[in-house]
Amino acid sequence: MSGVVLRDSTGREGQTMVRIAVTGHAERALPAERGTLRVEVSAVGDDRREVLERVTRTHTDLRAEAQAHVDSGAATWWGSHGVSSGQLIDWEQRDGQQVKVRRFQARADVRVRFSDFTALAEWSVAVAEREDVEVAGITWDLTDSRRDSVIDDVRVDATRDALAKAFVFARAAGLGSPRLVALYEEGLRPGGDRPPVQPMMRSMAMDSGGRGGGVELRPDDIELTVSVSADFEADGA
């Protein structure tokens, strides 16, 4: 939403100046270029050693497969937080009574950033069928170079939008050509309470495939959004 504030001030030699405050907005939608799949491994049991071994074994397999995807060129990076373990208290019904039971839990995760979305879909289906494994989600993104180059263009468009509005308001009010006094990215105007807007990433869609029983990943576009506010001055009538 844009707004305008007109305030009279006296410039040099008694000339009346009018300040115009506007906002500028621009956005660009681009197809996702990377998909980071997050896979979680977790197990709970009465035997701490057995639980740890189960999770460690599965985690080791997933890490090896993640590295294989990077080696093949289907993925550009993988990472993991390793295996963690702890205790939890559960309750069981025994002889009509609730009994407190101590159990052990182990968990780990693996994250793989894919550039090949077909490989991403196939691996997500394969790992989801394994015991103790869950696909926690997919984060879609652009490459760093693509994001950096496009966001600069969006910033230019947002600034031009603010400038165009200032000229419209000045013309409607019978003022002279507006001159830029200050330009702020959203959230940076003194006294403002909104944080700077970061590029938004919309969620992915995951649909069941046809008769083959596969999964089709249809990521929404990545929306890069920039908003600015600007102050202009124009000569009064």
C-alpha atoms as a PDB file:
ATOM      1  CA  MET A   1       0.000   0.000   0.000  1.00  0.00           C
ATOM      2  CA  SER A   2       1.287   3.455  -0.826  1.00  0.00           C
ATOM      3  CA  GLY A   3       0.579   6.713   0.900  1.00  0.00           C
ATOM      4  CA  VAL A   4       1.451  10.351   0.580  1.00  0.00           C
ATOM      5  CA  VAL A   5       2.093  12.992   3.192  1.00  0.00           C
ATOM      6  CA  LEU A   6       2.242  16.607   2.092  1.00  0.00           C
ATOM      7  CA  ARG A   7       3.877  19.084   4.448  1.00  0.00           C
ATOM      8  CA  ASP A   8       4.678  22.693   3.721  1.00  0.00           C
ATOM      9  CA  SER A   9       8.143  23.984   4.522  1.00  0.00           C
ATOM     10  CA  THR A  10       9.922  27.155   3.618  1.00  0.00           C
ATOM     11  CA  GLY A  11      12.933  26.819   1.376  1.00  0.00           C
ATOM     12  CA  ARG A  12      15.483  29.372   0.333  1.00  0.00           C
ATOM     13  CA  GLU A  13      14.334  32.911  -0.444  1.00  0.00           C
ATOM     14  CA  GLY A  14      10.925  32.150   1.081  1.00  0.00           C
ATOM     15  CA  GLN A  15      10.040  29.530  -1.523  1.00  0.00           C
ATOM     16  CA  THR A  16       7.463  27.016  -0.311  1.00  0.00           C
ATOM     17  CA  MET A  17       8.574  23.382  -0.476  1.00  0.00           C
ATOM     18  CA  VAL A  18       6.240  20.441  -0.185  1.00  0.00           C
ATOM     19  CA  ARG A  19       7.427  17.057   1.013  1.00  0.00           C
ATOM     20  CA  ILE A  20       5.932  13.944  -0.566  1.00  0.00           C
ATOM     21  CA  ALA A  21       6.267  10.545   1.139  1.00  0.00           C
ATOM     22  CA  VAL A  22       5.536   7.423  -0.874  1.00  0.00           C
ATOM     23  CA  THR A  23       6.200   3.699  -0.906  1.00  0.00           C
ATOM     24  CA  GLY A  24       7.485   1.612  -3.783  1.00  0.00           C
ATOM     25  CA  HIS A  25       6.956  -2.086  -4.323  1.00  0.00           C
ATOM     26  CA  ALA A  26       8.185  -4.705  -6.791  1.00  0.00           C
ATOM     27  CA  GLU A  27       8.257  -8.462  -6.983  1.00  0.00           C
ATOM     28  CA  ARG A  28       9.532 -11.152  -9.307  1.00  0.00           C
ATOM     29  CA  ALA A  29       8.481 -14.816  -9.482  1.00  0.00           C
ATOM     30  CA  LEU A  30      11.106 -17.335 -10.585  1.00  0.00           C
ATOM     31  CA  PRO A  31      11.086 -21.125 -10.871  1.00  0.00           C
ATOM     32  CA  ALA A  32      12.932 -22.920  -8.079  1.00  0.00           C
ATOM     33  CA  GLU A  33      16.435 -24.092  -8.961  1.00  0.00           C
ATOM     34  CA  ARG A  34      17.288 -26.019  -5.791  1.00  0.00           C
ATOM     35  CA  GLY A  35      15.325 -28.247  -3.441  1.00  0.00           C
ATOM     36  CA  THR A  36      16.747 -29.170  -0.037  1.00  0.00           C
ATOM     37  CA  LEU A  37      15.267 -32.414   1.251  1.00  0.00           C
ATOM     38  CA  ARG A  38      15.350 -32.941   5.018  1.00  0.00           C
ATOM     39  CA  VAL A  39      15.166 -36.535   6.211  1.00  0.00           C
ATOM     40  CA  GLU A  40      14.814 -37.450   9.890  1.00  0.00           C
ATOM     41  CA  VAL A  41      15.695 -40.746  11.544  1.00  0.00           C
ATOM     42  CA  SER A  42      14.287 -41.526  14.986  1.00  0.00           C
ATOM     43  CA  ALA A  43      13.680 -44.574  17.146  1.00  0.00           C
ATOM     44  CA  VAL A  44      12.403 -45.251  20.663  1.00  0.00           C
ATOM     45  CA  GLY A  45      12.941 -48.381  22.729  1.00  0.00           C
ATOM     46  CA  ASP A  46      13.733 -49.923  26.081  1.00  0.00           C
ATOM     47  CA  ASP A  47      17.329 -50.793  25.187  1.00  0.00           C
ATOM     48  CA  ARG A  48      19.511 -47.711  24.758  1.00  0.00           C
ATOM     49  CA  ARG A  49      22.236 -49.543  22.860  1.00  0.00           C
ATOM     50  CA  GLU A  50      19.805 -51.157  20.429  1.00  0.00           C
ATOM     51  CA  VAL A  51      18.082 -47.835  19.735  1.00  0.00           C
ATOM     52  CA  LEU A  52      21.399 -46.080  19.099  1.00  0.00           C
ATOM     53  CA  GLU A  53      22.589 -48.843  16.788  1.00  0.00           C
ATOM     54  CA  ARG A  54      19.369 -48.726  14.757  1.00  0.00           C
ATOM     55  CA  VAL A  55      19.511 -44.987  14.223  1.00  0.00           C
ATOM     56  CA  THR A  56      23.272 -44.930  13.623  1.00  0.00           C
ATOM     57  CA  ARG A  57      23.047 -47.694  11.026  1.00  0.00           C
ATOM     58  CA  THR A  58      20.232 -45.996   9.107  1.00  0.00           C
ATOM     59  CA  HIS A  59      21.904 -42.601   9.417  1.00  0.00           C
ATOM     60  CA  THR A  60      25.158 -43.978   8.016  1.00  0.00           C
ATOM     61  CA  ASP A  61      23.295 -45.410   5.013  1.00  0.00           C
ATOM     62  CA  LEU A  62      21.533 -42.108   4.349  1.00  0.00           C
ATOM     63  CA  ARG A  63      24.782 -40.167   4.545  1.00  0.00           C
ATOM     64  CA  ALA A  64      26.409 -42.507   2.045  1.00  0.00           C
ATOM     65  CA  GLU A  65      23.478 -42.092  -0.341  1.00  0.00           C
ATOM     66  CA  ALA A  66      23.572 -38.320   0.091  1.00  0.00           C
ATOM     67  CA  GLN A  67      27.246 -38.281  -0.848  1.00  0.00           C
ATOM     68  CA  ALA A  68      26.477 -40.476  -3.859  1.00  0.00           C
ATOM     69  CA  HIS A  69      23.921 -37.920  -5.072  1.00  0.00           C
ATOM     70  CA  VAL A  70      26.541 -35.178  -4.791  1.00  0.00           C
ATOM     71  CA  ASP A  71      29.117 -37.302  -6.605  1.00  0.00           C
ATOM     72  CA  SER A  72      26.664 -37.990  -9.434  1.00  0.00           C
ATOM     73  CA  GLY A  73      25.835 -34.302  -9.860  1.00  0.00           C
ATOM     74  CA  ALA A  74      22.183 -34.705  -8.845  1.00  0.00           C
ATOM     75  CA  ALA A  75      22.855 -32.744  -5.639  1.00  0.00           C
ATOM     76  CA  THR A  76      25.180 -29.871  -4.843  1.00  0.00           C
ATOM     77  CA  TRP A  77      25.554 -30.286  -1.075  1.00  0.00           C
ATOM     78  CA  TRP A  78      24.592 -32.397   1.909  1.00  0.00           C
ATOM     79  CA  GLY A  79      24.861 -31.968   5.662  1.00  0.00           C
ATOM     80  CA  SER A  80      23.898 -33.641   8.910  1.00  0.00           C
ATOM     81  CA  HIS A  81      23.600 -32.789  12.594  1.00  0.00           C
ATOM     82  CA  GLY A  82      24.659 -36.292  13.618  1.00  0.00           C
ATOM     83  CA  VAL A  83      23.041 -38.704  16.066  1.00  0.00           C
ATOM     84  CA  SER A  84      21.700 -37.488  19.404  1.00  0.00           C
ATOM     85  CA  SER A  85      20.135 -39.555  22.168  1.00  0.00           C
ATOM     86  CA  GLY A  86      18.224 -39.079  25.371  1.00  0.00           C
ATOM     87  CA  GLN A  87      15.638 -40.477  27.727  1.00  0.00           C
ATOM     88  CA  LEU A  88      11.917 -39.979  27.837  1.00  0.00           C
ATOM     89  CA  ILE A  89       9.189 -40.950  30.257  1.00  0.00           C
ATOM     90  CA  ASP A  90       6.237 -42.885  28.910  1.00  0.00           C
ATOM     91  CA  TRP A  91       3.126 -44.230  30.592  1.00  0.00           C
ATOM     92  CA  GLU A  92       1.707 -47.728  30.177  1.00  0.00           C
ATOM     93  CA  GLN A  93      -1.471 -49.386  31.361  1.00  0.00           C
ATOM     94  CA  ARG A  94      -0.591 -52.375  33.546  1.00  0.00           C
ATOM     95  CA  ASP A  95      -3.113 -54.264  35.648  1.00  0.00           C
ATOM     96  CA  GLY A  96      -5.482 -51.333  35.450  1.00  0.00           C
ATOM     97  CA  GLN A  97      -2.867 -48.847  36.611  1.00  0.00           C
ATOM     98  CA  GLN A  98      -0.845 -46.189  34.846  1.00  0.00           C
ATOM     99  CA  VAL A  99       2.822 -47.082  35.228  1.00  0.00           C
ATOM    100  CA  LYS A 100       5.717 -44.756  34.486  1.00  0.00           C
ATOM    101  CA  VAL A 101       8.222 -46.320  32.070  1.00  0.00           C
ATOM    102  CA  ARG A 102      11.635 -44.983  31.113  1.00  0.00           C
ATOM    103  CA  ARG A 103      12.538 -45.335  27.460  1.00  0.00           C
ATOM    104  CA  PHE A 104      15.435 -44.281  25.263  1.00  0.00           C
ATOM    105  CA  GLN A 105      15.282 -42.224  22.095  1.00  0.00           C
ATOM    106  CA  ALA A 106      17.818 -41.518  19.365  1.00  0.00           C
ATOM    107  CA  ARG A 107      17.468 -39.220  16.384  1.00  0.00           C
ATOM    108  CA  ALA A 108      19.454 -37.805  13.483  1.00  0.00           C
ATOM    109  CA  ASP A 109      18.857 -35.965  10.261  1.00  0.00           C
ATOM    110  CA  VAL A 110      20.327 -35.590   6.788  1.00  0.00           C
ATOM    111  CA  ARG A 111      19.788 -32.631   4.466  1.00  0.00           C
ATOM    112  CA  VAL A 112      20.517 -32.844   0.749  1.00  0.00           C
ATOM    113  CA  ARG A 113      20.309 -29.930  -1.685  1.00  0.00           C
ATOM    114  CA  PHE A 114      19.237 -31.251  -5.076  1.00  0.00           C
ATOM    115  CA  SER A 115      19.553 -29.584  -8.453  1.00  0.00           C
ATOM    116  CA  ASP A 116      17.951 -32.608 -10.141  1.00  0.00           C
ATOM    117  CA  PHE A 117      14.315 -32.642  -9.023  1.00  0.00           C
ATOM    118  CA  THR A 118      13.658 -36.074 -10.518  1.00  0.00           C
ATOM    119  CA  ALA A 119      16.386 -37.545  -8.335  1.00  0.00           C
ATOM    120  CA  LEU A 120      14.946 -35.647  -5.370  1.00  0.00           C
ATOM    121  CA  ALA A 121      11.490 -37.136  -5.930  1.00  0.00           C
ATOM    122  CA  GLU A 122      12.797 -40.667  -6.370  1.00  0.00           C
ATOM    123  CA  TRP A 123      14.979 -40.549  -3.267  1.00  0.00           C
ATOM    124  CA  SER A 124      12.235 -38.996  -1.126  1.00  0.00           C
ATOM    125  CA  VAL A 125       9.943 -41.904  -2.005  1.00  0.00           C
ATOM    126  CA  ALA A 126      12.651 -44.489  -1.370  1.00  0.00           C
ATOM    127  CA  VAL A 127      13.671 -43.190   2.057  1.00  0.00           C
ATOM    128  CA  ALA A 128      10.090 -42.602   3.219  1.00  0.00           C
ATOM    129  CA  GLU A 129       9.410 -46.336   2.938  1.00  0.00           C
ATOM    130  CA  ARG A 130      12.178 -47.253   5.388  1.00  0.00           C
ATOM    131  CA  GLU A 131      11.669 -48.044   9.034  1.00  0.00           C
ATOM    132  CA  ASP A 132      12.441 -45.173  11.445  1.00  0.00           C
ATOM    133  CA  VAL A 133      12.739 -42.669   8.567  1.00  0.00           C
ATOM    134  CA  GLU A 134      10.515 -39.692   7.810  1.00  0.00           C
ATOM    135  CA  VAL A 135      10.715 -37.022   5.115  1.00  0.00           C
ATOM    136  CA  ALA A 136      10.497 -33.852   7.207  1.00  0.00           C
ATOM    137  CA  GLY A 137      10.105 -31.421   4.330  1.00  0.00           C
ATOM    138  CA  ILE A 138      11.573 -29.700   1.304  1.00  0.00           C
ATOM    139  CA  THR A 139      12.837 -26.128   1.102  1.00  0.00           C
ATOM    140  CA  TRP A 140      12.908 -24.564  -2.343  1.00  0.00           C
ATOM    141  CA  ASP A 141      15.361 -21.884  -3.333  1.00  0.00           C
ATOM    142  CA  LEU A 142      17.359 -20.220  -6.091  1.00  0.00           C
ATOM    143  CA  THR A 143      21.077 -20.425  -6.622  1.00  0.00           C
ATOM    144  CA  ASP A 144      22.964 -17.663  -4.819  1.00  0.00           C
ATOM    145  CA  SER A 145      24.139 -16.097  -8.077  1.00  0.00           C
ATOM    146  CA  ARG A 146      20.639 -16.089  -9.562  1.00  0.00           C
ATOM    147  CA  ARG A 147      19.105 -14.627  -6.412  1.00  0.00           C
ATOM    148  CA  ASP A 148      21.745 -11.880  -6.164  1.00  0.00           C
ATOM    149  CA  SER A 149      21.373 -10.837  -9.792  1.00  0.00           C
ATOM    150  CA  VAL A 150      17.576 -10.771  -9.755  1.00  0.00           C
ATOM    151  CA  ILE A 151      17.114  -9.085  -6.378  1.00  0.00           C
ATOM    152  CA  ASP A 152      19.103  -6.096  -7.630  1.00  0.00           C
ATOM    153  CA  ASP A 153      16.669  -5.750 -10.536  1.00  0.00           C
ATOM    154  CA  VAL A 154      13.722  -5.947  -8.121  1.00  0.00           C
ATOM    155  CA  ARG A 155      15.260  -3.204  -5.973  1.00  0.00           C
ATOM    156  CA  VAL A 156      15.553  -1.018  -9.072  1.00  0.00           C
ATOM    157  CA  ASP A 157      11.895  -1.664  -9.955  1.00  0.00           C
ATOM    158  CA  ALA A 158      10.737  -0.830  -6.407  1.00  0.00           C
ATOM    159  CA  THR A 159      12.666   2.445  -6.478  1.00  0.00           C
ATOM    160  CA  ARG A 160      11.223   3.342  -9.866  1.00  0.00           C
ATOM    161  CA  ASP A 161       7.745   2.569  -8.549  1.00  0.00           C
ATOM    162  CA  ALA A 162       8.262   5.033  -5.698  1.00  0.00           C
ATOM    163  CA  LEU A 163       9.596   7.662  -8.100  1.00  0.00           C
ATOM    164  CA  ALA A 164       6.637   7.242 -10.456  1.00  0.00           C
ATOM    165  CA  LYS A 165       4.176   7.682  -7.586  1.00  0.00           C
ATOM    166  CA  ALA A 166       5.944  10.814  -6.412  1.00  0.00           C
ATOM    167  CA  PHE A 167       5.616  12.372  -9.865  1.00  0.00           C
ATOM    168  CA  VAL A 168       1.916  11.462 -10.009  1.00  0.00           C
ATOM    169  CA  PHE A 169       1.235  13.071  -6.638  1.00  0.00           C
ATOM    170  CA  ALA A 170       3.280  16.159  -7.492  1.00  0.00           C
ATOM    171  CA  ARG A 171       1.479  16.608 -10.794  1.00  0.00           C
ATOM    172  CA  ALA A 172      -1.932  16.116  -9.179  1.00  0.00           C
ATOM    173  CA  ALA A 173      -1.110  18.718  -6.529  1.00  0.00           C
ATOM    174  CA  GLY A 174       0.188  21.219  -9.065  1.00  0.00           C
ATOM    175  CA  LEU A 175       3.761  21.049  -7.783  1.00  0.00           C
ATOM    176  CA  GLY A 176       7.098  21.102  -9.530  1.00  0.00           C
ATOM    177  CA  SER A 177       9.172  18.018 -10.301  1.00  0.00           C
ATOM    178  CA  PRO A 178       9.904  16.058  -7.115  1.00  0.00           C
ATOM    179  CA  ARG A 179      13.487  15.642  -5.919  1.00  0.00           C
ATOM    180  CA  LEU A 180      14.533  12.634  -3.872  1.00  0.00           C
ATOM    181  CA  VAL A 181      15.464  13.483  -0.278  1.00  0.00           C
ATOM    182  CA  ALA A 182      15.656  10.057   1.380  1.00  0.00           C
ATOM    183  CA  LEU A 183      15.163   6.427   0.393  1.00  0.00           C
ATOM    184  CA  TYR A 184      14.629   3.576   2.869  1.00  0.00           C
ATOM    185  CA  GLU A 185      14.340  -0.156   2.491  1.00  0.00           C
ATOM    186  CA  GLU A 186      11.267  -1.431   4.315  1.00  0.00           C
ATOM    187  CA  GLY A 187      11.885  -1.611   8.051  1.00  0.00           C
ATOM    188  CA  LEU A 188      14.792   0.845   8.008  1.00  0.00           C
ATOM    189  CA  ARG A 189      12.918   4.146   8.105  1.00  0.00           C
ATOM    190  CA  PRO A 190      13.622   5.871  11.442  1.00  0.00           C
ATOM    191  CA  GLY A 191      10.709   5.234  13.774  1.00  0.00           C
ATOM    192  CA  GLY A 192       9.413   2.369  11.651  1.00  0.00           C
ATOM    193  CA  ASP A 193       8.421  -0.890  13.331  1.00  0.00           C
ATOM    194  CA  ARG A 194       8.510  -3.354  10.463  1.00  0.00           C
ATOM    195  CA  PRO A 195      11.574  -5.546   9.892  1.00  0.00           C
ATOM    196  CA  PRO A 196      13.296  -5.610   6.489  1.00  0.00           C
ATOM    197  CA  VAL A 197      11.463  -7.856   4.055  1.00  0.00           C
ATOM    198  CA  GLN A 198      13.394 -10.893   2.897  1.00  0.00           C
ATOM    199  CA  PRO A 199      12.694 -12.828  -0.321  1.00  0.00           C
ATOM    200  CA  MET A 200       9.808 -15.202   0.264  1.00  0.00           C
ATOM    201  CA  MET A 201       9.810 -18.893  -0.537  1.00  0.00           C
ATOM    202  CA  ARG A 202       6.454 -20.542  -1.057  1.00  0.00           C
ATOM    203  CA  SER A 203       5.782 -24.117  -0.033  1.00  0.00           C
ATOM    204  CA  MET A 204       6.079 -27.038  -2.370  1.00  0.00           C
ATOM    205  CA  ALA A 205       3.279 -29.256  -3.616  1.00  0.00           C
ATOM    206  CA  MET A 206       3.613 -33.013  -3.452  1.00  0.00           C
ATOM    207  CA  ASP A 207       1.131 -35.070  -5.438  1.00  0.00           C
ATOM    208  CA  SER A 208       0.720 -38.776  -5.901  1.00  0.00           C
ATOM    209  CA  GLY A 209       1.836 -39.935  -9.268  1.00  0.00           C
ATOM    210  CA  GLY A 210      -0.141 -41.999 -11.704  1.00  0.00           C
ATOM    211  CA  ARG A 211      -0.326 -45.762 -11.840  1.00  0.00           C
ATOM    212  CA  GLY A 212       3.360 -46.028 -11.143  1.00  0.00           C
ATOM    213  CA  GLY A 213       2.770 -44.917  -7.551  1.00  0.00           C
ATOM    214  CA  GLY A 214       5.531 -42.321  -7.681  1.00  0.00           C
ATOM    215  CA  VAL A 215       5.595 -38.788  -6.374  1.00  0.00           C
ATOM    216  CA  GLU A 216       5.551 -35.655  -8.494  1.00  0.00           C
ATOM    217  CA  LEU A 217       7.101 -32.599  -6.935  1.00  0.00           C
ATOM    218  CA  ARG A 218       5.709 -29.308  -8.159  1.00  0.00           C
ATOM    219  CA  PRO A 219       7.489 -26.454  -6.402  1.00  0.00           C
ATOM    220  CA  ASP A 220       5.788 -23.091  -6.469  1.00  0.00           C
ATOM    221  CA  ASP A 221       7.754 -20.195  -7.855  1.00  0.00           C
ATOM    222  CA  ILE A 222      10.164 -18.350  -5.595  1.00  0.00           C
ATOM    223  CA  GLU A 223       8.821 -14.841  -5.049  1.00  0.00           C
ATOM    224  CA  LEU A 224      11.389 -12.112  -4.515  1.00  0.00           C
ATOM    225  CA  THR A 225       9.777  -9.023  -3.021  1.00  0.00           C
ATOM    226  CA  VAL A 226      11.226  -5.587  -2.245  1.00  0.00           C
ATOM    227  CA  SER A 227       9.451  -2.629  -0.656  1.00  0.00           C
ATOM    228  CA  VAL A 228      10.900   0.830  -0.087  1.00  0.00           C
ATOM    229  CA  SER A 229       9.698   4.150   1.246  1.00  0.00           C
ATOM    230  CA  ALA A 230      10.964   7.451  -0.071  1.00  0.00           C
ATOM    231  CA  ASP A 231      10.740  11.148   0.728  1.00  0.00           C
ATOM    232  CA  PHE A 232      10.672  13.735  -2.038  1.00  0.00           C
ATOM    233  CA  GLU A 233      10.480  17.503  -2.087  1.00  0.00           C
ATOM    234  CA  ALA A 234       8.798  19.592  -4.735  1.00  0.00           C
ATOM    235  CA  ASP A 235       8.384  23.336  -5.272  1.00  0.00           C
ATOM    236  CA  GLY A 236       4.993  24.622  -4.174  1.00  0.00           C
ATOM    237  CA  ALA A 237       2.734  26.709  -6.318  1.00  0.00           C
END
